[in-house]
Amino acid sequence: MNDGFWPVADVLAHLTGRWRVERGVRDLAGGDEGRFEGVVHFTPLTGPGLLHEESGTFTWQGVTRPATRTLRFLPGPTPGTADVRFADGRPFHRLDLTTGRYVADHPCAADLYRGEFTVQDADHWRTVWRVGGPAKDLVLTTDYVREG
């Protein structure tokens, strides 16, 4: 145990499988709150790495809609790490959970996304993204629980 975090020797092996997802979204400027509920499947790509396919429903300002997201988790620069990319191949962030905790930055136009990834145990992990910029002031907190 490292400061309450659970070290992961190989992030790709650890994430493989199906996870239940609950995400809270808070707009710190406007006070609105939303919620995503769904699942994410991490399945092997034809080459090295994993395909991350997230699907569920997102409720914002009283309206619920279907929502999906696809990412690619490729082997990172050091053993056990990942290079996370958008579905179209653009870089998103690195991921290294060897200590059970990692902070990543992703500049996006005038906004900065800063994500903190923490692993509680073999079946629970969390991301907290803080998004700041001229038109955004958000906190997105996502809890993942391994299924079967």
Protein backbone atom coordinates (compact mmCIF):
# COMPACT_ATOMS: atom_id res chain seq x y z
CA MET A 1 0.00 0.00 0.00
CA ASN A 2 1.34 3.44 -0.93
CA ASP A 3 -0.41 6.40 0.77
CA GLY A 4 -3.68 4.47 0.48
CA PHE A 5 -3.17 3.77 -3.23
CA TRP A 6 -2.90 0.33 -4.80
CA PRO A 7 0.13 -0.04 -7.12
CA VAL A 8 -0.48 -1.55 -10.57
CA ALA A 9 2.52 -3.24 -12.22
CA ASP A 10 0.92 -3.38 -15.70
CA VAL A 11 -1.89 -0.92 -16.42
CA LEU A 12 -3.03 -2.63 -19.64
CA ALA A 13 -3.35 -6.05 -17.98
CA HIS A 14 -5.10 -4.49 -14.99
CA LEU A 15 -7.71 -2.60 -17.02
CA THR A 16 -8.65 -5.48 -19.36
CA GLY A 17 -12.30 -6.43 -18.89
CA ARG A 18 -15.62 -4.77 -18.14
CA TRP A 19 -16.11 -1.96 -15.62
CA ARG A 20 -19.23 -0.25 -14.29
CA VAL A 21 -18.87 3.54 -14.56
CA GLU A 22 -20.46 6.38 -12.59
CA ARG A 23 -19.38 9.94 -13.41
CA GLY A 24 -20.44 13.14 -11.71
CA VAL A 25 -19.98 16.39 -13.62
CA ARG A 26 -20.04 19.73 -11.80
CA ASP A 27 -19.97 23.12 -13.48
CA LEU A 28 -18.25 25.24 -10.83
CA ALA A 29 -19.12 28.50 -12.60
CA GLY A 30 -22.82 27.88 -13.23
CA GLY A 31 -23.59 25.41 -10.47
CA ASP A 32 -25.12 22.76 -12.77
CA GLU A 33 -24.54 19.09 -12.03
CA GLY A 34 -24.80 16.11 -14.34
CA ARG A 35 -24.35 12.37 -14.17
CA PHE A 36 -23.13 9.63 -16.51
CA GLU A 37 -23.91 5.98 -15.77
CA GLY A 38 -22.78 3.09 -17.93
CA VAL A 39 -20.06 0.58 -18.64
CA VAL A 40 -16.63 0.55 -20.21
CA HIS A 41 -15.10 -2.45 -21.97
CA PHE A 42 -11.32 -2.67 -22.29
CA THR A 43 -10.71 -5.24 -25.05
CA PRO A 44 -7.47 -6.20 -26.83
CA LEU A 45 -6.67 -4.41 -30.09
CA THR A 46 -5.42 -6.42 -33.08
CA GLY A 47 -1.96 -5.00 -32.29
CA PRO A 48 -0.63 -4.28 -28.81
CA GLY A 49 -2.93 -2.29 -26.54
CA LEU A 50 -6.58 -2.00 -25.54
CA LEU A 51 -9.71 -0.49 -27.03
CA HIS A 52 -11.70 1.48 -24.44
CA GLU A 53 -15.40 1.59 -25.37
CA GLU A 54 -17.65 3.48 -22.96
CA SER A 55 -21.44 3.61 -23.29
CA GLY A 56 -24.30 4.68 -21.09
CA THR A 57 -26.57 7.62 -20.39
CA PHE A 58 -25.67 11.19 -19.50
CA THR A 59 -28.12 13.42 -17.65
CA TRP A 60 -27.54 17.19 -17.82
CA GLN A 61 -30.03 19.91 -16.87
CA GLY A 62 -32.79 17.32 -16.54
CA VAL A 63 -32.26 15.79 -19.99
CA THR A 64 -30.98 12.21 -20.32
CA ARG A 65 -29.28 11.14 -23.55
CA PRO A 66 -27.20 8.18 -24.73
CA ALA A 67 -23.45 8.84 -24.54
CA THR A 68 -20.41 6.96 -25.85
CA ARG A 69 -16.66 7.44 -25.94
CA THR A 70 -13.85 5.45 -27.53
CA LEU A 71 -10.17 5.65 -26.60
CA ARG A 72 -7.08 3.59 -27.36
CA PHE A 73 -4.68 2.54 -24.60
CA LEU A 74 -1.36 1.67 -26.23
CA PRO A 75 1.81 0.40 -24.53
CA GLY A 76 3.62 3.34 -22.93
CA PRO A 77 7.29 4.35 -22.96
CA THR A 78 8.14 2.20 -19.92
CA PRO A 79 6.92 -1.30 -19.02
CA GLY A 80 3.46 -1.37 -17.47
CA THR A 81 2.45 2.14 -18.59
CA ALA A 82 0.02 3.32 -21.26
CA ASP A 83 -0.14 5.98 -23.95
CA VAL A 84 -3.82 7.00 -24.07
CA ARG A 85 -5.11 8.26 -27.42
CA PHE A 86 -8.41 9.45 -28.80
CA ALA A 87 -10.22 7.15 -31.26
CA ASP A 88 -8.68 9.06 -34.20
CA GLY A 89 -5.15 8.52 -32.88
CA ARG A 90 -4.50 12.00 -31.43
CA PRO A 91 -2.56 11.92 -28.14
CA PHE A 92 -4.60 12.36 -24.96
CA HIS A 93 -2.29 11.58 -22.00
CA ARG A 94 0.16 9.11 -20.50
CA LEU A 95 -0.90 6.76 -17.72
CA ASP A 96 1.43 5.23 -15.14
CA LEU A 97 -0.25 3.55 -12.17
CA THR A 98 2.84 1.79 -10.81
CA THR A 99 2.42 3.78 -7.55
CA GLY A 100 -1.37 3.60 -7.66
CA ARG A 101 -1.66 7.33 -8.43
CA TYR A 102 -0.90 9.46 -11.49
CA VAL A 103 -1.55 13.05 -12.60
CA ALA A 104 -1.83 13.85 -16.31
CA ASP A 105 -2.31 17.13 -18.19
CA HIS A 106 -4.03 17.55 -21.55
CA PRO A 107 -4.05 21.03 -23.12
CA CYS A 108 -7.07 21.43 -25.43
CA ALA A 109 -7.27 24.75 -27.30
CA ALA A 110 -7.56 27.39 -24.55
CA ASP A 111 -8.54 24.83 -21.88
CA LEU A 112 -6.40 22.67 -19.61
CA TYR A 113 -7.58 19.24 -18.52
CA ARG A 114 -5.75 17.91 -15.45
CA GLY A 115 -6.59 14.34 -14.47
CA GLU A 116 -5.76 12.51 -11.27
CA PHE A 117 -5.98 8.72 -11.46
CA THR A 118 -6.08 6.68 -8.26
CA VAL A 119 -6.42 2.94 -7.71
CA GLN A 120 -8.08 1.83 -4.47
CA ASP A 121 -7.73 -1.95 -5.00
CA ALA A 122 -7.90 -4.61 -7.72
CA ASP A 123 -11.53 -3.80 -8.52
CA HIS A 124 -11.91 -0.04 -7.89
CA TRP A 125 -10.26 3.03 -9.41
CA ARG A 126 -11.16 6.69 -9.87
CA THR A 127 -10.38 9.61 -12.14
CA VAL A 128 -10.91 13.25 -11.27
CA TRP A 129 -10.55 15.66 -14.19
CA ARG A 130 -10.42 19.40 -13.50
CA VAL A 131 -11.15 21.39 -16.65
CA GLY A 132 -10.33 25.08 -16.67
CA GLY A 133 -10.32 27.70 -19.38
CA PRO A 134 -12.05 30.82 -20.63
CA ALA A 135 -15.41 29.07 -21.08
CA LYS A 136 -15.03 26.03 -18.79
CA ASP A 137 -14.75 25.45 -15.05
CA LEU A 138 -15.64 21.80 -14.52
CA VAL A 139 -14.87 18.85 -12.27
CA LEU A 140 -15.57 15.35 -13.60
CA THR A 141 -15.28 12.54 -11.04
CA THR A 142 -15.52 8.98 -12.36
CA ASP A 143 -15.65 5.80 -10.30
CA TYR A 144 -14.91 2.44 -11.92
CA VAL A 145 -15.93 -0.90 -10.42
CA ARG A 146 -14.85 -4.15 -12.08
CA GLU A 147 -17.69 -6.41 -13.21
CA GLY A 148 -17.45 -10.21 -13.20
